[in-house]
Amino acid sequence: MEKLTIDVYADPVCPWCWLGKRRLDTALAARPDVDATVRWRPFQLDPAVPPEGVDRAEYLETKFGDPARVRATQEQLVAIGRDEGIAFLFGEIERFPNTLDCHRAIRFAEEEGPTAQSAFVERLFELYFTEGEDISDHAVIARAADEAGLDADTLMTRLEGDEDAEDVGDEMARARSIGIDGVPCFIFAEKLVVMGAHPPEVLVEAIDRALGDEDDAEA
């Protein structure tokens, strides 16, 4: 088994990030000989959103202007998502949340290992994009944590304070400082960067390139 670390910068309110996650899962399934550790890293599409969130329809209209453009993008995502086993239900979403606490919780989940962290991230995507839940709500985060096998009570205790908030903010600032200005962003073996929700075959190629570079370095 060849070992590989993959850092994924993403935001739970980014539909392309969920597509990117599913496509990465497919790529890794195609390379069962690779022992990959996937680490989910924080990035906020809009850190200026207030803690209580905003009305999603109003937010999208302000941000993109043309409602027809928004509808066209959502229809495209629904079609693409169907191919990845994702049922986007944009009509169910009422709020556009601030995701800082989601990222704090994802950081906590990493302490339980990459499998638990990935399951937690997947559940956050599901709750937001298919169930229309407000994922800034601590009760919703706790539900996702419990369903992912995490210690929800400990997580809630941490979220009630400001633990990890500064560290998460620093990590997001570092991401932008190295040129990450959109998500999803995949970094293979801490050196090979792939921006965007590319098809699985592109990610398989990146896996092979990253491993090949490591082999060359070891040689």
N, C-alpha and C. Protein backbone atom coordinates (compact mmCIF):
# COMPACT_ATOMS: atom_id res chain seq x y z
N MET A 1 0.84 -1.19 0.00
CA MET A 1 0.00 0.00 0.00
C MET A 1 0.89 1.26 0.00
N GLU A 2 0.60 2.15 -0.93
CA GLU A 2 1.32 3.41 -0.98
C GLU A 2 0.55 4.45 -0.17
N LYS A 3 1.25 5.17 0.68
CA LYS A 3 0.61 6.16 1.55
C LYS A 3 0.58 7.51 0.86
N LEU A 4 -0.53 8.23 1.08
CA LEU A 4 -0.70 9.54 0.46
C LEU A 4 -1.60 10.40 1.33
N THR A 5 -1.20 11.65 1.55
CA THR A 5 -2.07 12.60 2.24
C THR A 5 -2.73 13.51 1.21
N ILE A 6 -4.00 13.77 1.44
CA ILE A 6 -4.76 14.67 0.56
C ILE A 6 -5.46 15.69 1.45
N ASP A 7 -5.07 16.94 1.32
CA ASP A 7 -5.74 18.02 2.05
C ASP A 7 -6.81 18.63 1.15
N VAL A 8 -8.02 18.70 1.66
CA VAL A 8 -9.14 19.22 0.88
C VAL A 8 -9.68 20.48 1.56
N TYR A 9 -9.53 21.60 0.89
CA TYR A 9 -10.13 22.84 1.37
C TYR A 9 -11.54 22.93 0.80
N ALA A 10 -12.52 23.13 1.68
CA ALA A 10 -13.92 23.09 1.25
C ALA A 10 -14.77 23.86 2.25
N ASP A 11 -15.99 24.15 1.83
CA ASP A 11 -16.98 24.80 2.69
C ASP A 11 -18.28 24.01 2.57
N PRO A 12 -18.91 23.66 3.69
CA PRO A 12 -20.13 22.84 3.64
C PRO A 12 -21.31 23.48 2.91
N VAL A 13 -21.23 24.78 2.59
CA VAL A 13 -22.30 25.41 1.83
C VAL A 13 -21.95 25.53 0.34
N CYS A 14 -20.88 24.86 -0.06
CA CYS A 14 -20.44 24.89 -1.45
C CYS A 14 -20.88 23.62 -2.16
N PRO A 15 -21.84 23.69 -3.09
CA PRO A 15 -22.31 22.46 -3.75
C PRO A 15 -21.21 21.79 -4.57
N TRP A 16 -20.32 22.57 -5.16
CA TRP A 16 -19.22 21.99 -5.93
C TRP A 16 -18.29 21.20 -5.02
N CYS A 17 -18.20 21.60 -3.76
CA CYS A 17 -17.36 20.88 -2.80
C CYS A 17 -17.92 19.48 -2.54
N TRP A 18 -19.24 19.38 -2.46
CA TRP A 18 -19.83 18.04 -2.27
C TRP A 18 -19.59 17.17 -3.50
N LEU A 19 -19.74 17.76 -4.67
CA LEU A 19 -19.42 17.03 -5.89
C LEU A 19 -17.95 16.60 -5.88
N GLY A 20 -17.08 17.51 -5.46
CA GLY A 20 -15.67 17.18 -5.40
C GLY A 20 -15.37 16.06 -4.44
N LYS A 21 -16.07 16.04 -3.32
CA LYS A 21 -15.88 14.96 -2.35
C LYS A 21 -16.29 13.62 -2.94
N ARG A 22 -17.45 13.58 -3.56
CA ARG A 22 -17.92 12.32 -4.15
C ARG A 22 -16.96 11.84 -5.26
N ARG A 23 -16.45 12.77 -6.02
CA ARG A 23 -15.54 12.41 -7.10
C ARG A 23 -14.20 11.94 -6.55
N LEU A 24 -13.76 12.53 -5.45
CA LEU A 24 -12.54 12.05 -4.80
C LEU A 24 -12.76 10.64 -4.26
N ASP A 25 -13.92 10.40 -3.66
CA ASP A 25 -14.25 9.05 -3.17
C ASP A 25 -14.15 8.03 -4.31
N THR A 26 -14.69 8.40 -5.48
CA THR A 26 -14.65 7.51 -6.64
C THR A 26 -13.21 7.28 -7.10
N ALA A 27 -12.43 8.35 -7.10
CA ALA A 27 -11.03 8.23 -7.52
C ALA A 27 -10.25 7.32 -6.58
N LEU A 28 -10.47 7.45 -5.30
CA LEU A 28 -9.76 6.61 -4.34
C LEU A 28 -10.21 5.16 -4.43
N ALA A 29 -11.49 4.96 -4.72
CA ALA A 29 -11.98 3.59 -4.90
C ALA A 29 -11.32 2.92 -6.11
N ALA A 30 -10.93 3.73 -7.09
CA ALA A 30 -10.26 3.20 -8.27
C ALA A 30 -8.79 2.89 -8.02
N ARG A 31 -8.28 3.36 -6.89
CA ARG A 31 -6.89 3.09 -6.53
C ARG A 31 -6.84 2.42 -5.16
N PRO A 32 -7.33 1.18 -5.04
CA PRO A 32 -7.36 0.50 -3.74
C PRO A 32 -5.97 0.20 -3.18
N ASP A 33 -4.96 0.35 -4.00
CA ASP A 33 -3.59 0.12 -3.55
C ASP A 33 -3.00 1.33 -2.84
N VAL A 34 -3.78 2.42 -2.76
CA VAL A 34 -3.31 3.65 -2.13
C VAL A 34 -3.95 3.80 -0.76
N ASP A 35 -3.13 3.98 0.25
CA ASP A 35 -3.60 4.24 1.61
C ASP A 35 -3.65 5.75 1.80
N ALA A 36 -4.80 6.33 1.47
CA ALA A 36 -4.92 7.79 1.48
C ALA A 36 -5.49 8.29 2.81
N THR A 37 -4.88 9.33 3.33
CA THR A 37 -5.40 10.06 4.48
C THR A 37 -5.94 11.39 3.99
N VAL A 38 -7.25 11.54 4.04
CA VAL A 38 -7.90 12.77 3.57
C VAL A 38 -8.14 13.67 4.77
N ARG A 39 -7.62 14.89 4.68
CA ARG A 39 -7.75 15.85 5.78
C ARG A 39 -8.55 17.04 5.28
N TRP A 40 -9.68 17.33 5.95
CA TRP A 40 -10.56 18.40 5.53
C TRP A 40 -10.14 19.70 6.18
N ARG A 41 -9.89 20.71 5.36
CA ARG A 41 -9.37 21.99 5.79
C ARG A 41 -10.40 23.10 5.60
N PRO A 42 -10.37 24.13 6.43
CA PRO A 42 -11.43 25.15 6.41
C PRO A 42 -11.25 26.22 5.34
N PHE A 43 -12.36 26.61 4.78
CA PHE A 43 -12.42 27.74 3.85
C PHE A 43 -13.86 28.24 3.86
N GLN A 44 -14.04 29.54 4.04
CA GLN A 44 -15.39 30.10 4.00
C GLN A 44 -15.59 30.87 2.71
N LEU A 45 -16.64 30.51 1.97
CA LEU A 45 -16.95 31.24 0.76
C LEU A 45 -17.22 32.71 1.05
N ASP A 46 -17.87 32.97 2.18
CA ASP A 46 -18.18 34.35 2.54
C ASP A 46 -18.12 34.49 4.06
N PRO A 47 -16.93 34.82 4.59
CA PRO A 47 -16.81 34.97 6.05
C PRO A 47 -17.56 36.18 6.60
N ALA A 48 -18.06 37.06 5.71
CA ALA A 48 -18.77 38.26 6.17
C ALA A 48 -20.22 37.97 6.53
N VAL A 49 -20.70 36.76 6.23
CA VAL A 49 -22.08 36.41 6.61
C VAL A 49 -22.19 36.46 8.13
N PRO A 50 -23.20 37.12 8.67
CA PRO A 50 -23.33 37.23 10.13
C PRO A 50 -23.54 35.87 10.79
N PRO A 51 -23.23 35.76 12.08
CA PRO A 51 -23.34 34.48 12.78
C PRO A 51 -24.72 33.84 12.66
N GLU A 52 -25.75 34.64 12.59
CA GLU A 52 -27.12 34.11 12.52
C GLU A 52 -27.51 33.72 11.09
N GLY A 53 -26.63 33.99 10.13
CA GLY A 53 -26.93 33.66 8.74
C GLY A 53 -27.85 34.69 8.11
N VAL A 54 -28.19 34.47 6.84
CA VAL A 54 -29.06 35.39 6.11
C VAL A 54 -30.04 34.57 5.27
N ASP A 55 -31.09 35.25 4.81
CA ASP A 55 -32.03 34.60 3.91
C ASP A 55 -31.30 34.21 2.62
N ARG A 56 -31.39 32.94 2.23
CA ARG A 56 -30.58 32.47 1.12
C ARG A 56 -31.01 33.07 -0.21
N ALA A 57 -32.30 33.17 -0.46
CA ALA A 57 -32.77 33.73 -1.72
C ALA A 57 -32.31 35.18 -1.88
N GLU A 58 -32.43 35.95 -0.81
CA GLU A 58 -31.99 37.34 -0.87
C GLU A 58 -30.48 37.43 -1.05
N TYR A 59 -29.76 36.54 -0.37
CA TYR A 59 -28.29 36.54 -0.47
C TYR A 59 -27.85 36.26 -1.90
N LEU A 60 -28.45 35.25 -2.53
CA LEU A 60 -28.06 34.89 -3.90
C LEU A 60 -28.43 35.99 -4.89
N GLU A 61 -29.57 36.64 -4.66
CA GLU A 61 -29.98 37.72 -5.55
C GLU A 61 -29.02 38.89 -5.44
N THR A 62 -28.59 39.20 -4.21
CA THR A 62 -27.63 40.29 -4.00
C THR A 62 -26.27 39.96 -4.61
N LYS A 63 -25.86 38.72 -4.44
CA LYS A 63 -24.53 38.30 -4.89
C LYS A 63 -24.44 38.15 -6.41
N PHE A 64 -25.48 37.54 -7.01
CA PHE A 64 -25.41 37.23 -8.44
C PHE A 64 -26.32 38.09 -9.31
N GLY A 65 -27.26 38.78 -8.68
CA GLY A 65 -28.09 39.72 -9.42
C GLY A 65 -29.23 39.08 -10.19
N ASP A 66 -28.91 38.31 -11.18
CA ASP A 66 -29.92 37.76 -12.10
C ASP A 66 -30.48 36.45 -11.57
N PRO A 67 -31.76 36.42 -11.15
CA PRO A 67 -32.34 35.16 -10.65
C PRO A 67 -32.30 34.04 -11.68
N ALA A 68 -32.40 34.38 -12.96
CA ALA A 68 -32.36 33.36 -14.01
C ALA A 68 -31.00 32.68 -14.05
N ARG A 69 -29.95 33.44 -13.78
CA ARG A 69 -28.61 32.87 -13.73
C ARG A 69 -28.49 31.90 -12.57
N VAL A 70 -29.05 32.27 -11.43
CA VAL A 70 -29.02 31.39 -10.25
C VAL A 70 -29.76 30.09 -10.55
N ARG A 71 -30.96 30.21 -11.15
CA ARG A 71 -31.75 29.01 -11.47
C ARG A 71 -31.00 28.11 -12.46
N ALA A 72 -30.35 28.71 -13.44
CA ALA A 72 -29.62 27.92 -14.44
C ALA A 72 -28.47 27.16 -13.79
N THR A 73 -27.78 27.83 -12.89
CA THR A 73 -26.66 27.17 -12.19
C THR A 73 -27.18 26.03 -11.33
N GLN A 74 -28.28 26.26 -10.64
CA GLN A 74 -28.84 25.21 -9.78
C GLN A 74 -29.33 24.03 -10.62
N GLU A 75 -29.93 24.29 -11.75
CA GLU A 75 -30.37 23.20 -12.63
C GLU A 75 -29.18 22.40 -13.14
N GLN A 76 -28.09 23.08 -13.44
CA GLN A 76 -26.88 22.39 -13.87
C GLN A 76 -26.35 21.50 -12.75
N LEU A 77 -26.34 22.03 -11.54
CA LEU A 77 -25.84 21.27 -10.40
C LEU A 77 -26.72 20.05 -10.11
N VAL A 78 -28.02 20.21 -10.25
CA VAL A 78 -28.94 19.08 -10.04
C VAL A 78 -28.62 17.96 -11.02
N ALA A 79 -28.39 18.32 -12.27
CA ALA A 79 -28.09 17.32 -13.29
C ALA A 79 -26.75 16.64 -13.03
N ILE A 80 -25.75 17.44 -12.70
CA ILE A 80 -24.42 16.87 -12.42
C ILE A 80 -24.47 16.03 -11.15
N GLY A 81 -25.17 16.53 -10.15
CA GLY A 81 -25.26 15.81 -8.89
C GLY A 81 -25.93 14.46 -9.04
N ARG A 82 -26.91 14.37 -9.92
CA ARG A 82 -27.60 13.11 -10.13
C ARG A 82 -26.62 12.02 -10.57
N ASP A 83 -25.65 12.40 -11.38
CA ASP A 83 -24.65 11.43 -11.84
C ASP A 83 -23.72 10.97 -10.71
N GLU A 84 -23.62 11.78 -9.65
CA GLU A 84 -22.75 11.44 -8.53
C GLU A 84 -23.53 10.88 -7.34
N GLY A 85 -24.83 10.63 -7.54
CA GLY A 85 -25.65 10.11 -6.46
C GLY A 85 -26.07 11.15 -5.45
N ILE A 86 -26.05 12.41 -5.87
CA ILE A 86 -26.43 13.52 -4.99
C ILE A 86 -27.77 14.08 -5.46
N ALA A 87 -28.69 14.26 -4.52
CA ALA A 87 -29.99 14.85 -4.85
C ALA A 87 -30.06 16.25 -4.26
N PHE A 88 -29.56 17.22 -5.01
CA PHE A 88 -29.64 18.60 -4.54
C PHE A 88 -31.10 19.04 -4.52
N LEU A 89 -31.52 19.57 -3.37
CA LEU A 89 -32.89 20.10 -3.23
C LEU A 89 -32.77 21.56 -2.80
N PHE A 90 -32.39 22.40 -3.74
CA PHE A 90 -32.12 23.80 -3.41
C PHE A 90 -33.37 24.52 -2.89
N GLY A 91 -34.53 24.07 -3.33
CA GLY A 91 -35.76 24.70 -2.87
C GLY A 91 -36.03 24.52 -1.40
N GLU A 92 -35.38 23.55 -0.77
CA GLU A 92 -35.57 23.30 0.66
C GLU A 92 -34.73 24.22 1.55
N ILE A 93 -33.75 24.91 0.94
CA ILE A 93 -32.79 25.69 1.73
C ILE A 93 -33.32 27.11 1.92
N GLU A 94 -33.49 27.51 3.16
CA GLU A 94 -34.00 28.85 3.47
C GLU A 94 -32.91 29.81 3.92
N ARG A 95 -31.87 29.30 4.56
CA ARG A 95 -30.85 30.18 5.13
C ARG A 95 -29.49 29.92 4.48
N PHE A 96 -28.71 30.98 4.36
CA PHE A 96 -27.30 30.85 4.00
C PHE A 96 -26.53 31.10 5.28
N PRO A 97 -25.93 30.06 5.88
CA PRO A 97 -25.36 30.19 7.21
C PRO A 97 -23.90 30.66 7.20
N ASN A 98 -23.48 31.17 8.33
CA ASN A 98 -22.05 31.35 8.57
C ASN A 98 -21.51 29.99 9.01
N THR A 99 -20.45 29.52 8.38
CA THR A 99 -19.99 28.15 8.60
C THR A 99 -18.78 28.04 9.53
N LEU A 100 -18.46 29.10 10.26
CA LEU A 100 -17.30 29.04 11.14
C LEU A 100 -17.41 27.87 12.13
N ASP A 101 -18.57 27.72 12.77
CA ASP A 101 -18.72 26.65 13.75
C ASP A 101 -18.69 25.27 13.09
N CYS A 102 -19.16 25.19 11.86
CA CYS A 102 -19.02 23.92 11.12
C CYS A 102 -17.54 23.56 10.99
N HIS A 103 -16.74 24.55 10.64
CA HIS A 103 -15.31 24.28 10.46
C HIS A 103 -14.62 23.96 11.78
N ARG A 104 -15.07 24.60 12.85
CA ARG A 104 -14.53 24.24 14.17
C ARG A 104 -14.87 22.79 14.49
N ALA A 105 -16.10 22.39 14.15
CA ALA A 105 -16.53 21.02 14.42
C ALA A 105 -15.76 20.02 13.54
N ILE A 106 -15.52 20.39 12.27
CA ILE A 106 -14.75 19.52 11.38
C ILE A 106 -13.34 19.35 11.92
N ARG A 107 -12.79 20.40 12.48
CA ARG A 107 -11.45 20.32 13.08
C ARG A 107 -11.47 19.35 14.26
N PHE A 108 -12.52 19.43 15.07
CA PHE A 108 -12.66 18.49 16.18
C PHE A 108 -12.76 17.06 15.67
N ALA A 109 -13.51 16.88 14.60
CA ALA A 109 -13.71 15.53 14.05
C ALA A 109 -12.41 14.90 13.60
N GLU A 110 -11.45 15.72 13.19
CA GLU A 110 -10.16 15.18 12.75
C GLU A 110 -9.46 14.42 13.88
N GLU A 111 -9.74 14.80 15.12
CA GLU A 111 -9.13 14.13 16.26
C GLU A 111 -9.60 12.67 16.37
N GLU A 112 -10.76 12.38 15.77
CA GLU A 112 -11.30 11.02 15.80
C GLU A 112 -10.83 10.19 14.61
N GLY A 113 -10.04 10.82 13.72
CA GLY A 113 -9.50 10.09 12.57
C GLY A 113 -10.15 10.52 11.28
N PRO A 114 -9.48 10.25 10.15
CA PRO A 114 -9.97 10.71 8.85
C PRO A 114 -11.30 10.09 8.43
N THR A 115 -11.57 8.86 8.82
CA THR A 115 -12.84 8.23 8.43
C THR A 115 -14.00 8.93 9.10
N ALA A 116 -13.87 9.21 10.39
CA ALA A 116 -14.93 9.91 11.12
C ALA A 116 -15.09 11.33 10.60
N GLN A 117 -13.99 11.99 10.32
CA GLN A 117 -14.06 13.36 9.81
C GLN A 117 -14.77 13.40 8.46
N SER A 118 -14.43 12.47 7.58
CA SER A 118 -15.05 12.43 6.26
C SER A 118 -16.54 12.14 6.37
N ALA A 119 -16.93 11.24 7.26
CA ALA A 119 -18.34 10.92 7.46
C ALA A 119 -19.10 12.14 7.97
N PHE A 120 -18.47 12.89 8.84
CA PHE A 120 -19.09 14.09 9.40
C PHE A 120 -19.28 15.15 8.32
N VAL A 121 -18.25 15.36 7.50
CA VAL A 121 -18.35 16.32 6.41
C VAL A 121 -19.47 15.92 5.44
N GLU A 122 -19.55 14.65 5.11
CA GLU A 122 -20.59 14.15 4.22
C GLU A 122 -21.98 14.44 4.80
N ARG A 123 -22.12 14.23 6.11
CA ARG A 123 -23.44 14.45 6.73
C ARG A 123 -23.81 15.93 6.74
N LEU A 124 -22.84 16.80 6.93
CA LEU A 124 -23.13 18.23 6.87
C LEU A 124 -23.63 18.63 5.49
N PHE A 125 -22.98 18.11 4.44
CA PHE A 125 -23.45 18.37 3.08
C PHE A 125 -24.88 17.89 2.91
N GLU A 126 -25.17 16.68 3.37
CA GLU A 126 -26.52 16.13 3.22
C GLU A 126 -27.55 16.99 3.94
N LEU A 127 -27.25 17.37 5.16
CA LEU A 127 -28.20 18.14 5.95
C LEU A 127 -28.52 19.47 5.29
N TYR A 128 -27.51 20.08 4.71
CA TYR A 128 -27.74 21.39 4.09
C TYR A 128 -28.41 21.28 2.73
N PHE A 129 -27.87 20.44 1.86
CA PHE A 129 -28.30 20.44 0.47
C PHE A 129 -29.48 19.52 0.16
N THR A 130 -29.77 18.56 1.02
CA THR A 130 -30.92 17.69 0.74
C THR A 130 -32.03 17.82 1.78
N GLU A 131 -31.68 18.34 2.96
CA GLU A 131 -32.69 18.47 4.01
C GLU A 131 -32.98 19.92 4.38
N GLY A 132 -32.21 20.85 3.81
CA GLY A 132 -32.46 22.27 4.03
C GLY A 132 -32.23 22.74 5.45
N GLU A 133 -31.40 22.02 6.20
CA GLU A 133 -31.14 22.39 7.60
C GLU A 133 -30.17 23.57 7.69
N ASP A 134 -30.31 24.33 8.77
CA ASP A 134 -29.39 25.44 9.05
C ASP A 134 -28.18 24.85 9.78
N ILE A 135 -27.08 24.66 9.05
CA ILE A 135 -25.92 23.98 9.64
C ILE A 135 -25.05 24.90 10.49
N SER A 136 -25.53 26.13 10.76
CA SER A 136 -24.88 26.93 11.80
C SER A 136 -25.51 26.67 13.16
N ASP A 137 -26.65 26.02 13.16
CA ASP A 137 -27.36 25.67 14.40
C ASP A 137 -26.60 24.56 15.11
N HIS A 138 -26.24 24.79 16.36
CA HIS A 138 -25.45 23.80 17.09
C HIS A 138 -26.17 22.48 17.24
N ALA A 139 -27.49 22.51 17.33
CA ALA A 139 -28.24 21.26 17.44
C ALA A 139 -28.11 20.44 16.16
N VAL A 140 -28.07 21.12 15.02
CA VAL A 140 -27.91 20.43 13.74
C VAL A 140 -26.49 19.87 13.62
N ILE A 141 -25.51 20.64 14.05
CA ILE A 141 -24.12 20.16 14.04
C ILE A 141 -23.99 18.94 14.95
N ALA A 142 -24.63 19.00 16.13
CA ALA A 142 -24.57 17.86 17.06
C ALA A 142 -25.21 16.62 16.45
N ARG A 143 -26.31 16.82 15.74
CA ARG A 143 -26.97 15.69 15.08
C ARG A 143 -26.03 15.05 14.05
N ALA A 144 -25.38 15.88 13.26
CA ALA A 144 -24.44 15.36 12.26
C ALA A 144 -23.29 14.63 12.94
N ALA A 145 -22.80 15.18 14.03
CA ALA A 145 -21.69 14.56 14.75
C ALA A 145 -22.09 13.20 15.31
N ASP A 146 -23.25 13.14 15.93
CA ASP A 146 -23.72 11.88 16.50
C ASP A 146 -23.89 10.82 15.42
N GLU A 147 -24.46 11.22 14.29
CA GLU A 147 -24.70 10.26 13.21
C GLU A 147 -23.41 9.82 12.53
N ALA A 148 -22.33 10.62 12.71
CA ALA A 148 -21.03 10.25 12.17
C ALA A 148 -20.18 9.48 13.18
N GLY A 149 -20.77 9.22 14.36
CA GLY A 149 -20.06 8.46 15.37
C GLY A 149 -19.13 9.26 16.25
N LEU A 150 -19.31 10.60 16.27
CA LEU A 150 -18.48 11.46 17.10
C LEU A 150 -19.12 11.67 18.47
N ASP A 151 -18.33 12.19 19.39
CA ASP A 151 -18.83 12.51 20.72
C ASP A 151 -19.51 13.88 20.65
N ALA A 152 -20.81 13.87 20.42
CA ALA A 152 -21.55 15.11 20.20
C ALA A 152 -21.55 15.99 21.44
N ASP A 153 -21.61 15.39 22.65
CA ASP A 153 -21.66 16.19 23.87
C ASP A 153 -20.36 16.98 24.05
N THR A 154 -19.22 16.32 23.81
CA THR A 154 -17.94 17.02 23.93
C THR A 154 -17.83 18.11 22.89
N LEU A 155 -18.30 17.83 21.69
CA LEU A 155 -18.26 18.83 20.63
C LEU A 155 -19.09 20.05 21.00
N MET A 156 -20.28 19.84 21.54
CA MET A 156 -21.14 20.95 21.90
C MET A 156 -20.50 21.81 22.99
N THR A 157 -19.83 21.16 23.92
CA THR A 157 -19.14 21.91 24.97
C THR A 157 -18.08 22.81 24.38
N ARG A 158 -17.36 22.30 23.40
CA ARG A 158 -16.33 23.09 22.76
C ARG A 158 -16.92 24.23 21.93
N LEU A 159 -18.01 23.98 21.26
CA LEU A 159 -18.61 25.02 20.43
C LEU A 159 -19.22 26.14 21.26
N GLU A 160 -19.62 25.84 22.49
CA GLU A 160 -20.20 26.87 23.36
C GLU A 160 -19.18 27.94 23.72
N GLY A 161 -17.89 27.58 23.71
CA GLY A 161 -16.84 28.56 23.91
C GLY A 161 -16.26 28.99 22.58
N ASP A 162 -15.06 29.54 22.61
CA ASP A 162 -14.43 29.97 21.36
C ASP A 162 -13.21 29.12 21.03
N GLU A 163 -13.15 27.91 21.61
CA GLU A 163 -12.04 27.02 21.35
C GLU A 163 -11.93 26.72 19.85
N ASP A 164 -10.74 26.81 19.34
CA ASP A 164 -10.40 26.50 17.95
C ASP A 164 -10.80 27.62 16.97
N ALA A 165 -11.56 28.60 17.40
CA ALA A 165 -12.02 29.63 16.46
C ALA A 165 -10.84 30.39 15.87
N GLU A 166 -9.89 30.76 16.72
CA GLU A 166 -8.73 31.50 16.23
C GLU A 166 -7.86 30.63 15.32
N ASP A 167 -7.69 29.36 15.71
CA ASP A 167 -6.88 28.45 14.89
C ASP A 167 -7.52 28.25 13.52
N VAL A 168 -8.84 28.09 13.49
CA VAL A 168 -9.54 27.92 12.21
C VAL A 168 -9.39 29.18 11.37
N GLY A 169 -9.54 30.33 12.00
CA GLY A 169 -9.37 31.59 11.27
C GLY A 169 -7.97 31.73 10.71
N ASP A 170 -6.97 31.35 11.49
CA ASP A 170 -5.59 31.43 11.01
C ASP A 170 -5.37 30.49 9.83
N GLU A 171 -5.97 29.30 9.89
CA GLU A 171 -5.80 28.34 8.80
C GLU A 171 -6.46 28.84 7.52
N MET A 172 -7.61 29.48 7.65
CA MET A 172 -8.26 30.04 6.47
C MET A 172 -7.45 31.18 5.89
N ALA A 173 -6.84 31.98 6.76
CA ALA A 173 -6.00 33.08 6.29
C ALA A 173 -4.77 32.55 5.56
N ARG A 174 -4.19 31.46 6.08
CA ARG A 174 -3.04 30.86 5.40
C ARG A 174 -3.43 30.33 4.03
N ALA A 175 -4.63 29.74 3.94
CA ALA A 175 -5.09 29.22 2.65
C ALA A 175 -5.14 30.34 1.62
N ARG A 176 -5.70 31.45 1.98
CA ARG A 176 -5.78 32.56 1.04
C ARG A 176 -4.39 33.12 0.73
N SER A 177 -3.50 33.09 1.71
CA SER A 177 -2.15 33.63 1.49
C SER A 177 -1.35 32.81 0.50
N ILE A 178 -1.69 31.52 0.35
CA ILE A 178 -0.97 30.68 -0.61
C ILE A 178 -1.71 30.57 -1.94
N GLY A 179 -2.74 31.41 -2.08
CA GLY A 179 -3.41 31.51 -3.37
C GLY A 179 -4.69 30.74 -3.53
N ILE A 180 -5.19 30.14 -2.47
CA ILE A 180 -6.48 29.44 -2.56
C ILE A 180 -7.59 30.47 -2.46
N ASP A 181 -8.28 30.70 -3.56
CA ASP A 181 -9.35 31.70 -3.56
C ASP A 181 -10.69 31.11 -3.96
N GLY A 182 -10.76 29.79 -4.05
CA GLY A 182 -12.00 29.10 -4.35
C GLY A 182 -11.90 27.64 -3.94
N VAL A 183 -13.04 27.02 -3.81
CA VAL A 183 -13.06 25.61 -3.38
C VAL A 183 -14.05 24.83 -4.24
N PRO A 184 -13.85 23.50 -4.33
CA PRO A 184 -12.87 22.72 -3.59
C PRO A 184 -11.46 22.88 -4.14
N CYS A 185 -10.50 22.71 -3.24
CA CYS A 185 -9.09 22.72 -3.61
C CYS A 185 -8.45 21.50 -2.98
N PHE A 186 -7.83 20.67 -3.81
CA PHE A 186 -7.18 19.44 -3.34
C PHE A 186 -5.66 19.62 -3.40
N ILE A 187 -5.00 19.28 -2.32
CA ILE A 187 -3.54 19.32 -2.31
C ILE A 187 -3.04 17.90 -2.02
N PHE A 188 -2.39 17.31 -3.00
CA PHE A 188 -1.90 15.94 -2.89
C PHE A 188 -0.45 15.94 -2.43
N ALA A 189 -0.19 15.18 -1.37
CA ALA A 189 1.16 15.04 -0.82
C ALA A 189 1.78 16.40 -0.49
N GLU A 190 0.94 17.35 -0.12
CA GLU A 190 1.37 18.67 0.31
C GLU A 190 2.12 19.45 -0.77
N LYS A 191 1.90 19.09 -2.05
CA LYS A 191 2.64 19.79 -3.10
C LYS A 191 1.88 19.94 -4.41
N LEU A 192 1.05 18.97 -4.77
CA LEU A 192 0.35 19.01 -6.06
C LEU A 192 -1.06 19.54 -5.84
N VAL A 193 -1.37 20.68 -6.44
CA VAL A 193 -2.64 21.37 -6.21
C VAL A 193 -3.59 21.16 -7.39
N VAL A 194 -4.82 20.78 -7.08
CA VAL A 194 -5.88 20.66 -8.09
C VAL A 194 -7.06 21.48 -7.61
N MET A 195 -7.42 22.49 -8.39
CA MET A 195 -8.54 23.36 -8.04
C MET A 195 -9.79 22.93 -8.79
N GLY A 196 -10.90 22.82 -8.09
CA GLY A 196 -12.17 22.55 -8.73
C GLY A 196 -12.64 21.12 -8.59
N ALA A 197 -13.94 20.91 -8.89
CA ALA A 197 -14.57 19.58 -8.76
C ALA A 197 -14.40 18.80 -10.06
N HIS A 198 -13.18 18.40 -10.34
CA HIS A 198 -12.88 17.70 -11.58
C HIS A 198 -13.41 16.27 -11.56
N PRO A 199 -13.59 15.67 -12.75
CA PRO A 199 -14.02 14.27 -12.83
C PRO A 199 -13.03 13.35 -12.13
N PRO A 200 -13.48 12.17 -11.70
CA PRO A 200 -12.61 11.24 -10.96
C PRO A 200 -11.31 10.91 -11.68
N GLU A 201 -11.36 10.79 -13.02
CA GLU A 201 -10.15 10.41 -13.74
C GLU A 201 -9.05 11.46 -13.61
N VAL A 202 -9.45 12.73 -13.48
CA VAL A 202 -8.46 13.79 -13.27
C VAL A 202 -7.82 13.64 -11.89
N LEU A 203 -8.63 13.29 -10.91
CA LEU A 203 -8.12 13.12 -9.55
C LEU A 203 -7.26 11.86 -9.46
N VAL A 204 -7.62 10.81 -10.19
CA VAL A 204 -6.77 9.61 -10.23
C VAL A 204 -5.41 9.97 -10.81
N GLU A 205 -5.41 10.77 -11.86
CA GLU A 205 -4.15 11.19 -12.46
C GLU A 205 -3.31 11.98 -11.46
N ALA A 206 -3.98 12.84 -10.69
CA ALA A 206 -3.26 13.62 -9.68
C ALA A 206 -2.67 12.72 -8.60
N ILE A 207 -3.44 11.70 -8.19
CA ILE A 207 -2.94 10.73 -7.21
C ILE A 207 -1.67 10.06 -7.74
N ASP A 208 -1.73 9.61 -8.99
CA ASP A 208 -0.59 8.92 -9.59
C ASP A 208 0.61 9.85 -9.73
N ARG A 209 0.34 11.09 -10.12
CA ARG A 209 1.45 12.05 -10.25
C ARG A 209 2.10 12.32 -8.91
N ALA A 210 1.26 12.50 -7.86
CA ALA A 210 1.80 12.77 -6.54
C ALA A 210 2.64 11.61 -6.03
N LEU A 211 2.15 10.39 -6.24
CA LEU A 211 2.90 9.22 -5.82
C LEU A 211 4.16 9.04 -6.65
N GLY A 212 4.08 9.35 -7.94
CA GLY A 212 5.25 9.25 -8.79
C GLY A 212 6.33 10.22 -8.38
N ASP A 213 5.91 11.45 -8.02
CA ASP A 213 6.89 12.44 -7.56
C ASP A 213 7.56 11.97 -6.29
N GLU A 214 6.78 11.32 -5.39
CA GLU A 214 7.37 10.82 -4.15
C GLU A 214 8.37 9.72 -4.44
N ASP A 215 8.03 8.84 -5.40
CA ASP A 215 8.96 7.76 -5.76
C ASP A 215 10.25 8.32 -6.32
N ASP A 216 10.12 9.37 -7.15
CA ASP A 216 11.30 10.00 -7.73
C ASP A 216 12.17 10.62 -6.66
N ALA A 217 11.49 11.23 -5.66
CA ALA A 217 12.24 11.87 -4.59
C ALA A 217 12.99 10.83 -3.76
N GLU A 218 12.33 9.68 -3.52
CA GLU A 218 12.97 8.64 -2.73
C GLU A 218 14.13 8.01 -3.48
N ALA A 219 13.99 7.93 -4.82
CA ALA A 219 15.05 7.35 -5.62
C ALA A 219 16.29 8.25 -5.63
